[in-house]
Amino acid sequence: MPNSQKLQDLMQQVGIPSFKALSRAARVSERQLLRLRQGKLKQMRVDVLLKLSPVLQISLNELIATFSTVEFFSEKAAPTQELLEEIADLRKEYQRSQLQLEQQRELLLQELQQSSLQLLESLLLQWPTAAQKAQENPQLAAVKIVPLVQKPLEKLLEAWGVEAIAPVGAELPYDPQRHQLMEGTAQPGELVKVRYTGYLQGEKLLYRAKVSPLRES
């Protein structure tokens, strides 16, 4: 393949041992790499080239010039008109791709906002009235207002796959990976009490639970 050696030379400079390793590092398919090795640069998507260039530690223009089917007469020769047109076409395609990504991002954001508003509907509709009644009547029991906030929030967290590490007031073994001491000291495994709950999203830790060591009476 005409460009395999060129690609291998670039890979060697950055310590990538194989085409499969390059595929994994850049998160592009080996089929796309095959097109590059076959000299089919024009058939490749711009986003693929944009993923490859930082991994190979060269600019997009250098990548295009290296694997373009248009040849230079010498290393110092100016780019030919055909190569310049090829680069211009790729830049236009890149701009179109960026515009499409921006539009998709905006659409996803709108969908996220819409779904979140639906989950928070009861809170949005009832909270202003409940807050006004609480101002008018300071004796109003807070326990009557808490469900207005708690239930919609629980639904939203459930929809996003977010779960509490432990409820407030829970006593459990100290885990420095998930717990943050508010005061004192504690060894892993010693009982602590949860003062502020923390949150996980799947395996990802969002916030550590704030805890205090239990005092022996």
Protein backbone atom coordinates (compact mmCIF):
# COMPACT_ATOMS: atom_id res chain seq x y z
CA MET A 1 0.00 0.00 0.00
CA PRO A 2 1.46 3.36 -1.04
CA ASN A 3 1.03 5.15 2.29
CA SER A 4 1.56 2.35 4.81
CA GLN A 5 5.22 3.18 5.33
CA LYS A 6 4.46 6.89 5.77
CA LEU A 7 1.91 6.05 8.45
CA GLN A 8 4.27 3.61 10.16
CA ASP A 9 6.99 6.26 10.25
CA LEU A 10 4.66 8.70 11.98
CA MET A 11 3.50 6.00 14.39
CA GLN A 12 7.10 5.12 15.24
CA GLN A 13 7.85 8.74 16.13
CA VAL A 14 5.10 8.74 18.79
CA GLY A 15 5.66 5.19 19.99
CA ILE A 16 2.57 3.49 18.52
CA PRO A 17 3.53 -0.11 17.67
CA SER A 18 0.72 -1.21 15.32
CA PHE A 19 -2.21 -0.10 13.22
CA LYS A 20 -4.54 -1.74 15.74
CA ALA A 21 -2.96 0.29 18.53
CA LEU A 22 -3.40 3.46 16.47
CA SER A 23 -7.03 2.55 15.86
CA ARG A 24 -7.63 2.22 19.60
CA ALA A 25 -5.67 5.37 20.51
CA ALA A 26 -7.46 7.59 17.98
CA ARG A 27 -10.81 5.81 18.34
CA VAL A 28 -11.18 5.30 14.60
CA SER A 29 -11.89 2.06 12.77
CA GLU A 30 -9.15 0.03 11.11
CA ARG A 31 -11.15 0.37 7.88
CA GLN A 32 -10.57 4.12 7.99
CA LEU A 33 -6.85 3.53 8.52
CA LEU A 34 -6.88 1.19 5.55
CA ARG A 35 -8.28 3.96 3.37
CA LEU A 36 -5.49 6.24 4.51
CA ARG A 37 -2.88 3.58 3.74
CA GLN A 38 -4.42 3.04 0.29
CA GLY A 39 -4.17 6.74 -0.55
CA LYS A 40 -7.94 7.30 -0.42
CA LEU A 41 -7.72 10.49 1.62
CA LYS A 42 -10.67 12.11 -0.17
CA GLN A 43 -12.95 9.24 0.89
CA MET A 44 -12.22 9.80 4.58
CA ARG A 45 -14.42 11.87 6.90
CA VAL A 46 -12.88 15.02 8.32
CA ASP A 47 -13.68 13.97 11.89
CA VAL A 48 -11.48 10.89 11.39
CA LEU A 49 -8.55 13.05 10.29
CA LEU A 50 -9.14 15.34 13.27
CA LYS A 51 -8.88 12.35 15.60
CA LEU A 52 -5.71 11.07 13.95
CA SER A 53 -3.73 14.32 13.80
CA PRO A 54 -3.33 14.87 17.59
CA VAL A 55 -2.49 11.21 18.18
CA LEU A 56 0.19 11.36 15.48
CA GLN A 57 1.22 14.78 16.81
CA ILE A 58 0.97 16.60 13.49
CA SER A 59 -1.40 19.31 12.31
CA LEU A 60 -4.37 18.64 10.05
CA ASN A 61 -2.65 20.41 7.15
CA GLU A 62 0.50 18.31 7.61
CA LEU A 63 -1.57 15.13 7.72
CA ILE A 64 -3.35 16.08 4.50
CA ALA A 65 -0.09 17.03 2.77
CA THR A 66 1.58 13.78 3.86
CA PHE A 67 -1.14 11.47 2.59
CA SER A 68 -2.46 13.48 -0.33
CA THR A 69 -2.25 11.85 -3.75
CA VAL A 70 -0.85 15.15 -5.03
CA GLU A 71 2.97 15.08 -4.98
CA PHE A 72 5.45 17.91 -4.46
CA PHE A 73 8.41 18.38 -6.79
CA SER A 74 10.66 18.92 -3.78
CA GLU A 75 10.39 19.29 -0.04
CA LYS A 76 10.61 23.08 -0.32
CA ALA A 77 8.24 23.37 -3.28
CA ALA A 78 5.07 25.38 -2.82
CA PRO A 79 1.79 23.42 -2.70
CA THR A 80 0.19 22.88 -6.08
CA GLN A 81 -3.20 24.33 -6.91
CA GLU A 82 -4.73 20.86 -6.81
CA LEU A 83 -3.46 20.26 -3.27
CA LEU A 84 -4.68 23.68 -2.14
CA GLU A 85 -8.12 22.89 -3.56
CA GLU A 86 -8.08 19.52 -1.80
CA ILE A 87 -7.25 21.18 1.53
CA ALA A 88 -9.95 23.81 0.94
CA ASP A 89 -12.54 21.10 0.26
CA LEU A 90 -11.58 19.28 3.45
CA ARG A 91 -11.80 22.50 5.43
CA LYS A 92 -15.29 23.14 4.05
CA GLU A 93 -16.30 19.62 4.99
CA TYR A 94 -14.87 20.18 8.47
CA GLN A 95 -16.87 23.41 8.85
CA ARG A 96 -20.03 21.59 7.76
CA SER A 97 -19.32 18.83 10.27
CA GLN A 98 -18.77 21.39 13.03
CA LEU A 99 -22.06 23.10 12.18
CA GLN A 100 -23.89 19.78 12.25
CA LEU A 101 -22.33 18.90 15.62
CA GLU A 102 -23.34 22.27 17.03
CA GLN A 103 -26.89 21.80 15.80
CA GLN A 104 -27.02 18.28 17.27
CA ARG A 105 -25.62 19.58 20.57
CA GLU A 106 -28.29 22.29 20.69
CA LEU A 107 -31.02 19.75 19.92
CA LEU A 108 -29.78 17.38 22.63
CA LEU A 109 -29.67 20.24 25.12
CA GLN A 110 -33.25 21.20 24.28
CA GLU A 111 -34.38 17.58 24.67
CA LEU A 112 -32.58 17.32 28.02
CA GLN A 113 -34.18 20.54 29.26
CA GLN A 114 -37.62 19.40 28.09
CA SER A 115 -37.37 16.00 29.78
CA SER A 116 -36.05 17.60 32.99
CA LEU A 117 -38.89 20.12 33.03
CA GLN A 118 -41.41 17.29 32.66
CA LEU A 119 -39.90 15.49 35.64
CA LEU A 120 -39.95 18.71 37.68
CA GLU A 121 -43.46 19.70 36.56
CA SER A 122 -45.13 19.30 39.95
CA LEU A 123 -42.34 21.28 41.64
CA LEU A 124 -42.53 24.10 39.10
CA LEU A 125 -46.30 24.37 39.42
CA GLN A 126 -46.74 23.94 43.17
CA TRP A 127 -43.57 25.33 44.75
CA PRO A 128 -44.27 29.08 44.21
CA THR A 129 -47.68 28.71 45.87
CA ALA A 130 -46.26 26.66 48.76
CA ALA A 131 -43.46 29.19 49.29
CA GLN A 132 -45.98 32.05 49.36
CA LYS A 133 -48.16 30.25 51.92
CA ALA A 134 -45.09 29.59 54.07
CA GLN A 135 -44.30 33.34 54.06
CA GLU A 136 -47.88 34.19 54.97
CA ASN A 137 -48.00 31.56 57.70
CA PRO A 138 -44.64 30.99 59.48
CA GLN A 139 -46.30 28.28 61.59
CA LEU A 140 -46.89 26.09 58.55
CA ALA A 141 -45.17 22.76 59.15
CA ALA A 142 -42.16 22.24 56.89
CA VAL A 143 -43.03 18.54 56.63
CA LYS A 144 -45.96 19.51 54.40
CA ILE A 145 -43.69 21.34 51.96
CA VAL A 146 -40.76 18.91 51.80
CA PRO A 147 -42.54 16.34 49.54
CA LEU A 148 -43.05 19.04 46.90
CA VAL A 149 -39.28 19.24 46.49
CA GLN A 150 -38.26 15.72 47.40
CA LYS A 151 -40.42 13.68 45.04
CA PRO A 152 -39.61 15.58 41.80
CA LEU A 153 -35.93 15.63 42.73
CA GLU A 154 -35.93 11.87 43.34
CA LYS A 155 -37.57 11.31 39.94
CA LEU A 156 -34.99 13.49 38.21
CA LEU A 157 -32.04 11.74 39.89
CA GLU A 158 -33.52 8.35 39.07
CA ALA A 159 -33.92 9.33 35.41
CA TRP A 160 -30.27 10.41 35.28
CA GLY A 161 -29.04 7.26 37.03
CA VAL A 162 -27.87 9.21 40.09
CA GLU A 163 -28.14 7.57 43.51
CA ALA A 164 -27.27 8.66 47.03
CA ILE A 165 -24.27 7.05 48.70
CA ALA A 166 -26.16 6.85 52.01
CA PRO A 167 -29.07 8.66 53.66
CA VAL A 168 -28.43 11.47 56.13
CA GLY A 169 -28.07 10.09 59.65
CA ALA A 170 -26.86 6.68 58.53
CA GLU A 171 -24.03 5.11 60.53
CA LEU A 172 -21.63 3.11 58.39
CA PRO A 173 -17.94 2.13 58.08
CA TYR A 174 -15.68 4.98 56.98
CA ASP A 175 -14.56 4.74 53.35
CA PRO A 176 -12.17 7.58 52.39
CA GLN A 177 -12.95 6.98 48.72
CA ARG A 178 -16.62 7.86 49.20
CA HIS A 179 -16.67 9.81 52.46
CA GLN A 180 -15.26 13.19 53.45
CA LEU A 181 -14.62 13.88 57.14
CA MET A 182 -16.07 17.17 58.35
CA GLU A 183 -14.15 17.02 61.60
CA GLY A 184 -11.85 14.79 63.63
CA THR A 185 -10.15 11.70 62.31
CA ALA A 186 -11.23 8.18 61.44
CA GLN A 187 -9.57 5.04 60.15
CA PRO A 188 -11.08 3.08 57.25
CA GLY A 189 -13.74 0.77 58.63
CA GLU A 190 -14.49 2.83 61.74
CA LEU A 191 -18.11 3.90 62.16
CA VAL A 192 -19.04 7.38 61.01
CA LYS A 193 -22.33 9.23 60.71
CA VAL A 194 -23.54 10.79 57.45
CA ARG A 195 -24.21 14.54 57.78
CA TYR A 196 -24.61 15.38 54.08
CA THR A 197 -25.30 12.70 51.52
CA GLY A 198 -23.03 12.14 48.50
CA TYR A 199 -23.94 10.90 45.03
CA LEU A 200 -22.87 8.31 42.48
CA GLN A 201 -23.79 8.09 38.82
CA GLY A 202 -23.21 4.48 37.94
CA GLU A 203 -19.59 3.82 38.88
CA LYS A 204 -18.68 7.52 38.76
CA LEU A 205 -18.37 9.41 42.03
CA LEU A 206 -20.05 12.83 41.79
CA TYR A 207 -19.81 14.01 45.41
CA ARG A 208 -18.42 12.32 48.49
CA ALA A 209 -20.75 12.06 51.48
CA LYS A 210 -19.74 14.34 54.35
CA VAL A 211 -19.41 12.41 57.59
CA SER A 212 -18.42 12.82 61.23
CA PRO A 213 -16.77 10.19 63.44
CA LEU A 214 -18.98 8.62 66.10
CA ARG A 215 -18.05 9.62 69.63
CA GLU A 216 -17.95 6.93 72.25
CA SER A 217 -20.05 7.78 75.25
